[in-house]
């Protein structure tokens, strides 16, 4: 139970905390509400890509770092976690909410027990958990009353998907599909199977097959068309990706689709040998989506290296190491080669040593031993 306070009192609290403009960059000494309002502005502008989310995260993290006892920083981070946990139609990834959004909401509530918007957010999380428990009860009832219905297996599969149990979820969804459900339910099942194939099973070709079936069943399903475009990008079929993504954009012009179109243009330019043009598209995609995206930074690092722009290549590879130090097996080698080509031999040796610690064989390791005498014995 919490004490309700008037909106006017809450405004008074905020007013006491604000010291001028909400533009943090323009402030000499930003107040807590400056950081919070800047983050909220980006959340309000969110249209599907990571850019606004990451900008909001930046301000909320800065707020927590500078003012660790100010509750609204934790509230903002919790809100972001819920947005990132959202999947499909009315479905949330509950494990992410349980382990990320909920602890942040509790922290906000402990620090700001009188702030109504924190309670509204906390109630939202409680509602999500209540709905999740309700879905579990429904799944159990369906299993008892309608054990041979495709919808029963779909509900069970979706519940397991929310629990991050992708293997069992796939089994139930595939069983539901074999029961020849009606068109709408069949499309829902296929989209979830495609999602698992693309995001968790690392099987983009299977995802293409599932999404193609969705498009065949529901030709104007924008989510299915967009998913097919993403799957084509993963399989390297960029011309097909461009075709379906443009179709998705015509149906529902969204920034997320525009982002994938930009990525596809980058890949097509790279394939045709237009490296500088590819860089322009990938850099635009990076600006649109996520200033810290590891995959695009890795791609750009390699392209800059091909152009012998070693300084920019080095910066991109360093960013990848900062974000995902073990995602790419050759990332320390590439960072080392970039530093070496710039004449920064000390930095290069540090990266080369790290590469040899992780991977002591292969062409990259042989190059290091051949060209760096101090490391020839390692």
Protein backbone atom coordinates (compact mmCIF):
# COMPACT_ATOMS: atom_id res chain seq x y z
CA UNK A 1 0.00 0.00 0.00
CA UNK A 2 1.33 3.45 -0.84
CA UNK A 3 0.32 7.02 -0.08
CA UNK A 4 -1.33 8.78 -3.03
CA UNK A 5 -0.34 12.38 -3.62
CA UNK A 6 -1.76 15.00 -5.95
CA UNK A 7 -0.36 15.70 -9.38
CA UNK A 8 0.26 19.28 -8.28
CA UNK A 9 2.50 18.07 -5.44
CA UNK A 10 4.45 15.89 -7.85
CA UNK A 11 4.93 18.88 -10.19
CA UNK A 12 6.18 20.87 -7.21
CA UNK A 13 8.74 18.17 -6.44
CA UNK A 14 9.95 18.17 -10.03
CA UNK A 15 10.09 21.96 -10.16
CA UNK A 16 12.37 22.04 -7.14
CA UNK A 17 14.71 19.63 -8.93
CA UNK A 18 14.81 21.35 -12.32
CA UNK A 19 17.48 23.96 -13.00
CA UNK A 20 16.66 25.29 -16.46
CA UNK A 21 16.55 23.60 -19.84
CA UNK A 22 15.96 19.88 -20.37
CA UNK A 23 18.72 19.88 -23.00
CA UNK A 24 21.49 18.28 -20.97
CA UNK A 25 24.24 19.24 -23.37
CA UNK A 26 23.43 22.95 -22.93
CA UNK A 27 23.70 22.84 -19.14
CA UNK A 28 26.89 23.59 -17.22
CA UNK A 29 25.68 21.57 -14.25
CA UNK A 30 22.64 19.53 -15.29
CA UNK A 31 20.04 18.79 -12.63
CA UNK A 32 18.53 15.30 -12.23
CA UNK A 33 15.33 16.25 -14.04
CA UNK A 34 17.36 17.52 -17.02
CA UNK A 35 18.77 14.04 -17.56
CA UNK A 36 15.41 12.41 -16.97
CA UNK A 37 13.47 14.70 -19.30
CA UNK A 38 16.07 14.26 -22.05
CA UNK A 39 15.67 10.48 -21.75
CA UNK A 40 11.87 10.71 -21.73
CA UNK A 41 11.95 12.85 -24.87
CA UNK A 42 13.80 10.08 -26.70
CA UNK A 43 11.41 7.43 -25.40
CA UNK A 44 8.47 9.49 -26.64
CA UNK A 45 10.13 9.67 -30.08
CA UNK A 46 10.67 5.87 -30.22
CA UNK A 47 9.50 4.37 -33.53
CA UNK A 48 11.00 0.91 -33.48
CA UNK A 49 14.74 1.30 -33.99
CA UNK A 50 17.40 1.17 -31.30
CA UNK A 51 18.56 4.76 -31.76
CA UNK A 52 16.01 6.46 -29.50
CA UNK A 53 16.27 3.62 -26.96
CA UNK A 54 20.04 3.94 -26.76
CA UNK A 55 19.90 7.70 -26.50
CA UNK A 56 17.37 7.39 -23.66
CA UNK A 57 19.56 4.74 -22.00
CA UNK A 58 22.52 7.09 -22.19
CA UNK A 59 20.70 9.82 -20.26
CA UNK A 60 19.20 7.46 -17.69
CA UNK A 61 22.57 5.81 -17.05
CA UNK A 62 24.17 9.23 -16.70
CA UNK A 63 21.41 10.15 -14.27
CA UNK A 64 22.03 7.04 -12.15
CA UNK A 65 25.80 7.60 -12.25
CA UNK A 66 25.61 11.26 -11.19
CA UNK A 67 22.61 11.00 -8.85
CA UNK A 68 22.41 7.40 -7.56
CA UNK A 69 19.72 8.28 -5.02
CA UNK A 70 17.39 9.88 -7.57
CA UNK A 71 14.55 7.41 -8.31
CA UNK A 72 13.57 8.43 -11.84
CA UNK A 73 16.83 7.19 -13.38
CA UNK A 74 15.95 3.64 -12.33
CA UNK A 75 12.38 4.18 -13.52
CA UNK A 76 13.61 5.15 -16.99
CA UNK A 77 15.92 2.13 -17.25
CA UNK A 78 13.09 -0.15 -16.16
CA UNK A 79 10.81 1.32 -18.83
CA UNK A 80 13.48 0.67 -21.46
CA UNK A 81 13.83 -2.92 -20.31
CA UNK A 82 10.09 -3.49 -20.80
CA UNK A 83 10.22 -2.00 -24.31
CA UNK A 84 13.13 -4.29 -25.19
CA UNK A 85 11.32 -7.31 -23.75
CA UNK A 86 8.29 -6.81 -25.99
CA UNK A 87 7.73 -9.42 -28.69
CA UNK A 88 4.96 -10.08 -31.20
CA UNK A 89 1.33 -9.35 -30.43
CA UNK A 90 0.67 -8.81 -26.71
CA UNK A 91 3.60 -11.02 -25.72
CA UNK A 92 6.52 -10.08 -23.47
CA UNK A 93 9.74 -11.92 -22.70
CA UNK A 94 9.05 -12.44 -19.02
CA UNK A 95 12.52 -13.58 -17.98
CA UNK A 96 13.94 -10.23 -19.06
CA UNK A 97 11.21 -8.39 -17.17
CA UNK A 98 11.78 -10.57 -14.10
CA UNK A 99 15.56 -10.12 -14.01
CA UNK A 100 15.95 -6.57 -15.37
CA UNK A 101 12.80 -4.44 -15.35
CA UNK A 102 11.48 -5.60 -11.98
CA UNK A 103 14.64 -4.98 -9.86
CA UNK A 104 14.99 -1.50 -11.38
CA UNK A 105 11.34 -0.73 -10.64
CA UNK A 106 11.77 -1.92 -7.05
CA UNK A 107 14.83 0.32 -6.67
CA UNK A 108 12.87 3.29 -8.02
CA UNK A 109 10.03 2.55 -5.61
CA UNK A 110 12.38 2.34 -2.63
CA UNK A 111 13.93 5.73 -3.46
CA UNK A 112 10.71 7.49 -4.51
CA UNK A 113 7.79 5.96 -2.61
CA UNK A 114 5.62 9.07 -3.10
CA UNK A 115 6.04 9.52 -6.85
CA UNK A 116 2.86 8.39 -8.65
CA UNK A 117 4.47 7.58 -12.02
CA UNK A 118 6.77 5.08 -10.32
CA UNK A 119 3.70 3.35 -8.87
CA UNK A 120 1.99 3.36 -12.26
CA UNK A 121 5.03 1.68 -13.78
CA UNK A 122 5.29 -0.83 -10.94
CA UNK A 123 1.60 -1.64 -11.37
CA UNK A 124 2.21 -2.20 -15.08
CA UNK A 125 4.87 -4.80 -14.29
CA UNK A 126 2.57 -6.46 -11.78
CA UNK A 127 -0.13 -6.59 -14.47
CA UNK A 128 2.33 -8.26 -16.87
CA UNK A 129 3.14 -10.91 -14.28
CA UNK A 130 -0.57 -11.39 -13.55
CA UNK A 131 -1.24 -11.84 -17.25
CA UNK A 132 1.65 -14.29 -17.48
CA UNK A 133 0.26 -16.34 -14.60
CA UNK A 134 -3.16 -16.15 -16.25
CA UNK A 135 -1.64 -17.48 -19.49
CA UNK A 136 -0.13 -20.36 -17.54
CA UNK A 137 -3.53 -21.18 -16.04
CA UNK A 138 -5.16 -20.99 -19.46
CA UNK A 139 -2.51 -23.29 -20.90
CA UNK A 140 -3.16 -25.84 -18.14
CA UNK A 141 -6.93 -25.65 -18.67
CA UNK A 142 -6.58 -26.05 -22.42
CA UNK A 143 -4.32 -29.04 -21.86
CA UNK A 144 -6.95 -30.66 -19.64
CA UNK A 145 -10.06 -29.77 -21.67
CA UNK A 146 -8.76 -29.64 -25.26
CA UNK A 147 -5.61 -31.79 -25.36
CA UNK A 148 -5.86 -32.42 -29.11
CA UNK A 149 -6.44 -28.85 -30.29
CA UNK A 150 -3.75 -26.88 -32.14
CA UNK A 151 -4.51 -23.78 -30.06
CA UNK A 152 -3.57 -25.71 -26.90
CA UNK A 153 -0.11 -26.45 -28.24
CA UNK A 154 0.23 -22.87 -29.48
CA UNK A 155 -0.59 -21.46 -26.04
CA UNK A 156 1.87 -23.84 -24.40
CA UNK A 157 4.54 -22.95 -26.95
CA UNK A 158 4.02 -19.23 -26.44
CA UNK A 159 4.14 -19.60 -22.65
CA UNK A 160 7.46 -21.47 -22.90
CA UNK A 161 8.75 -18.84 -25.32
CA UNK A 162 8.04 -16.18 -22.71
CA UNK A 163 10.09 -18.27 -20.26
CA UNK A 164 13.05 -18.33 -22.70
CA UNK A 165 12.70 -22.09 -23.11
CA UNK A 166 13.17 -21.96 -26.87
CA UNK A 167 13.74 -25.67 -27.46
CA UNK A 168 10.52 -26.83 -25.80
CA UNK A 169 8.64 -23.88 -27.22
CA UNK A 170 9.66 -24.91 -30.72
CA UNK A 171 8.51 -28.47 -30.09
CA UNK A 172 5.01 -27.36 -29.04
CA UNK A 173 4.71 -24.81 -31.86
CA UNK A 174 5.75 -27.38 -34.46
CA UNK A 175 3.18 -29.82 -33.04
CA UNK A 176 0.52 -27.11 -33.27
CA UNK A 177 1.47 -26.47 -36.89
CA UNK A 178 1.11 -30.14 -37.77
CA UNK A 179 -2.52 -30.02 -36.60
CA UNK A 180 -3.47 -27.79 -39.55
CA UNK A 181 -4.84 -24.78 -37.62
CA UNK A 182 -6.88 -21.98 -39.18
CA UNK A 183 -5.09 -19.31 -41.20
CA UNK A 184 -4.74 -16.64 -38.48
CA UNK A 185 -3.42 -19.08 -35.89
CA UNK A 186 -1.16 -20.73 -38.44
CA UNK A 187 0.41 -17.35 -39.27
CA UNK A 188 1.02 -16.63 -35.55
CA UNK A 189 2.69 -20.02 -35.07
CA UNK A 190 4.89 -19.54 -38.14
CA UNK A 191 6.04 -16.07 -37.01
CA UNK A 192 7.10 -17.42 -33.64
CA UNK A 193 8.92 -20.37 -35.21
CA UNK A 194 10.66 -17.96 -37.59
CA UNK A 195 11.66 -15.75 -34.65
CA UNK A 196 13.20 -18.72 -32.84
CA UNK A 197 15.04 -19.84 -35.98
CA UNK A 198 16.41 -16.36 -36.67
CA UNK A 199 17.23 -15.11 -33.18
CA UNK A 200 18.00 -18.23 -31.16
CA UNK A 201 18.61 -21.29 -33.35
CA UNK A 202 20.93 -19.43 -35.76
CA UNK A 203 19.09 -20.95 -38.72
CA UNK A 204 18.20 -18.03 -41.03
CA UNK A 205 17.31 -20.28 -43.96
CA UNK A 206 14.65 -21.97 -41.85
CA UNK A 207 13.43 -18.51 -40.84
CA UNK A 208 13.12 -17.61 -44.54
CA UNK A 209 10.96 -20.69 -45.10
CA UNK A 210 8.68 -19.88 -42.16
CA UNK A 211 8.30 -16.20 -43.05
CA UNK A 212 7.60 -17.08 -46.69
CA UNK A 213 4.75 -19.28 -45.50
CA UNK A 214 3.42 -16.35 -43.43
CA UNK A 215 3.49 -14.08 -46.48
CA UNK A 216 1.76 -16.72 -48.58
CA UNK A 217 -1.00 -17.05 -45.98
CA UNK A 218 -1.37 -13.33 -45.19
CA UNK A 219 0.10 -11.29 -48.08
CA UNK A 220 -0.36 -7.93 -46.30
CA UNK A 221 1.13 -8.96 -42.94
CA UNK A 222 3.79 -6.26 -42.56
CA UNK A 223 5.51 -8.06 -39.67
CA UNK A 224 5.82 -11.21 -41.76
CA UNK A 225 7.16 -9.31 -44.78
CA UNK A 226 9.64 -7.36 -42.64
CA UNK A 227 10.76 -10.59 -40.95
CA UNK A 228 11.32 -12.17 -44.36
CA UNK A 229 13.51 -9.23 -45.32
CA UNK A 230 15.59 -9.60 -42.16
CA UNK A 231 15.97 -13.33 -42.79
CA UNK A 232 17.11 -12.67 -46.38
CA UNK A 233 19.76 -10.29 -45.03
CA UNK A 234 21.05 -13.07 -42.77
CA UNK A 235 21.21 -15.55 -45.69
CA UNK A 236 23.01 -13.00 -47.88
CA UNK A 237 20.19 -12.69 -50.42
CA UNK A 238 20.29 -8.92 -50.47
CA UNK A 239 18.35 -8.29 -53.70
CA UNK A 240 15.42 -10.29 -52.35
CA UNK A 241 15.77 -8.54 -49.00
CA UNK A 242 15.52 -5.14 -50.69
CA UNK A 243 12.45 -6.21 -52.64
CA UNK A 244 10.43 -7.38 -49.63
CA UNK A 245 11.60 -4.62 -47.30
CA UNK A 246 10.43 -1.97 -49.76
CA UNK A 247 7.07 -3.73 -49.89
CA UNK A 248 6.88 -3.72 -46.08
CA UNK A 249 7.73 -0.01 -46.02
CA UNK A 250 4.92 0.73 -48.47
CA UNK A 251 2.43 -1.04 -46.20
CA UNK A 252 3.64 0.53 -42.95
CA UNK A 253 6.50 3.06 -43.22
CA UNK A 254 8.51 2.57 -40.05
CA UNK A 255 11.99 3.67 -39.08
CA UNK A 256 12.97 0.08 -38.28
CA UNK A 257 12.22 -1.01 -41.86
CA UNK A 258 14.11 2.01 -43.18
CA UNK A 259 17.08 0.91 -41.07
CA UNK A 260 17.11 -2.58 -42.61
CA UNK A 261 16.79 -1.07 -46.09
CA UNK A 262 19.88 1.02 -45.38
CA UNK A 263 21.78 -2.05 -44.17
CA UNK A 264 20.74 -3.96 -47.30
CA UNK A 265 21.92 -1.11 -49.54
CA UNK A 266 25.26 -1.26 -47.75
CA UNK A 267 25.63 -4.98 -48.43
CA UNK A 268 24.62 -4.59 -52.09
CA UNK A 269 27.17 -1.79 -52.55
CA UNK A 270 29.87 -3.88 -50.87
CA UNK A 271 29.12 -6.85 -53.12
CA UNK A 272 29.46 -4.68 -56.21
CA UNK A 273 32.83 -3.37 -55.02
CA UNK A 274 31.59 0.12 -54.14
CA UNK A 275 33.29 0.24 -50.76
CA UNK A 276 32.95 3.97 -50.13
CA UNK A 277 29.25 3.85 -50.97
CA UNK A 278 28.80 0.84 -48.67
CA UNK A 279 30.45 2.77 -45.85
CA UNK A 280 28.01 5.66 -46.32
CA UNK A 281 25.01 3.33 -46.05
CA UNK A 282 26.38 1.40 -43.05
CA UNK A 283 27.27 4.62 -41.23
CA UNK A 284 23.75 5.94 -41.85
CA UNK A 285 22.31 2.69 -40.50
CA UNK A 286 24.55 2.96 -37.45
CA UNK A 287 23.28 6.49 -36.80
CA UNK A 288 19.66 5.40 -37.25
CA UNK A 289 19.79 2.38 -35.02
CA UNK A 290 22.46 2.10 -32.41
CA UNK A 291 25.65 4.12 -32.03
CA UNK A 292 27.19 1.13 -30.29
CA UNK A 293 26.09 -1.67 -32.64
CA UNK A 294 28.84 -4.26 -32.70
CA UNK A 295 27.92 -5.93 -36.01
CA UNK A 296 27.83 -2.73 -38.04
CA UNK A 297 31.00 -1.48 -36.34
CA UNK A 298 32.72 -4.74 -37.28
CA UNK A 299 31.61 -4.42 -40.89
CA UNK A 300 32.71 -0.80 -41.06
CA UNK A 301 36.07 -1.60 -39.49
CA UNK A 302 36.80 -4.13 -42.21
CA UNK A 303 35.73 -1.72 -44.96
CA UNK A 304 37.86 1.12 -43.58
CA UNK A 305 40.77 -1.32 -43.36
CA UNK A 306 40.32 -2.22 -47.05
CA UNK A 307 40.54 1.49 -47.87
CA UNK A 308 43.69 1.72 -45.71
CA UNK A 309 41.96 4.21 -43.42
CA UNK A 310 43.52 2.50 -40.43
CA UNK A 311 42.63 5.15 -37.88
CA UNK A 312 38.88 4.78 -38.52
CA UNK A 313 39.21 1.00 -38.75
CA UNK A 314 40.98 0.96 -35.38
CA UNK A 315 38.23 3.03 -33.75
CA UNK A 316 35.53 0.67 -35.07
CA UNK A 317 37.37 -2.46 -33.93
CA UNK A 318 37.97 -0.93 -30.49
CA UNK A 319 34.24 -0.25 -30.22
CA UNK A 320 33.46 -3.89 -31.04
CA UNK A 321 35.92 -5.06 -28.35
CA UNK A 322 34.32 -2.68 -25.86
CA UNK A 323 30.83 -4.00 -26.60
CA UNK A 324 31.32 -7.69 -27.49
CA UNK A 325 34.92 -8.74 -26.75
CA UNK A 326 34.38 -12.40 -27.69
CA UNK A 327 31.79 -12.16 -30.48
CA UNK A 328 34.36 -12.20 -33.30
CA UNK A 329 37.35 -14.53 -33.14
CA UNK A 330 39.59 -12.22 -35.15
CA UNK A 331 38.67 -8.90 -33.56
CA UNK A 332 41.88 -8.52 -31.52
CA UNK A 333 43.94 -9.42 -34.57
CA UNK A 334 42.14 -6.82 -36.67
CA UNK A 335 42.56 -4.15 -34.00
CA UNK A 336 46.24 -5.08 -33.78
CA UNK A 337 46.69 -4.91 -37.56
CA UNK A 338 45.06 -1.48 -37.64
CA UNK A 339 47.29 -0.17 -34.84
CA UNK A 340 50.35 -1.77 -36.47
CA UNK A 341 49.55 -0.10 -39.80
CA UNK A 342 49.32 3.26 -38.01
CA UNK A 343 52.75 2.71 -36.46
CA UNK A 344 51.39 2.22 -32.95
CA UNK A 345 53.45 -0.90 -32.24
CA UNK A 346 52.86 -0.98 -28.48
CA UNK A 347 49.09 -1.05 -28.85
CA UNK A 348 49.41 -3.54 -31.67
CA UNK A 349 51.44 -5.94 -29.52
CA UNK A 350 48.85 -5.78 -26.74
CA UNK A 351 46.07 -6.75 -29.15
CA UNK A 352 48.20 -9.44 -30.83
CA UNK A 353 49.02 -10.98 -27.44
CA UNK A 354 45.34 -11.11 -26.62
CA UNK A 355 44.60 -12.79 -29.94
CA UNK A 356 47.25 -15.44 -29.33
CA UNK A 357 45.82 -16.11 -25.88
CA UNK A 358 42.39 -16.75 -27.40
CA UNK A 359 43.44 -18.44 -30.64
CA UNK A 360 46.96 -19.83 -30.93
CA UNK A 361 46.52 -21.28 -34.43
CA UNK A 362 45.30 -20.16 -37.84
CA UNK A 363 46.40 -17.68 -40.48
CA UNK A 364 46.08 -14.66 -38.20
CA UNK A 365 48.31 -16.20 -35.53
CA UNK A 366 50.88 -17.18 -38.15
CA UNK A 367 50.93 -13.61 -39.47
CA UNK A 368 51.59 -12.31 -35.97
CA UNK A 369 54.48 -14.72 -35.40
CA UNK A 370 55.97 -13.90 -38.79
CA UNK A 371 55.79 -10.12 -38.57
CA UNK A 372 56.21 -9.47 -34.83
CA UNK A 373 59.58 -10.89 -33.70
CA UNK A 374 58.83 -10.42 -30.00
CA UNK A 375 55.82 -12.71 -30.34
CA UNK A 376 57.34 -15.32 -32.67
CA UNK A 377 57.81 -17.80 -29.82
CA UNK A 378 54.28 -17.46 -28.39
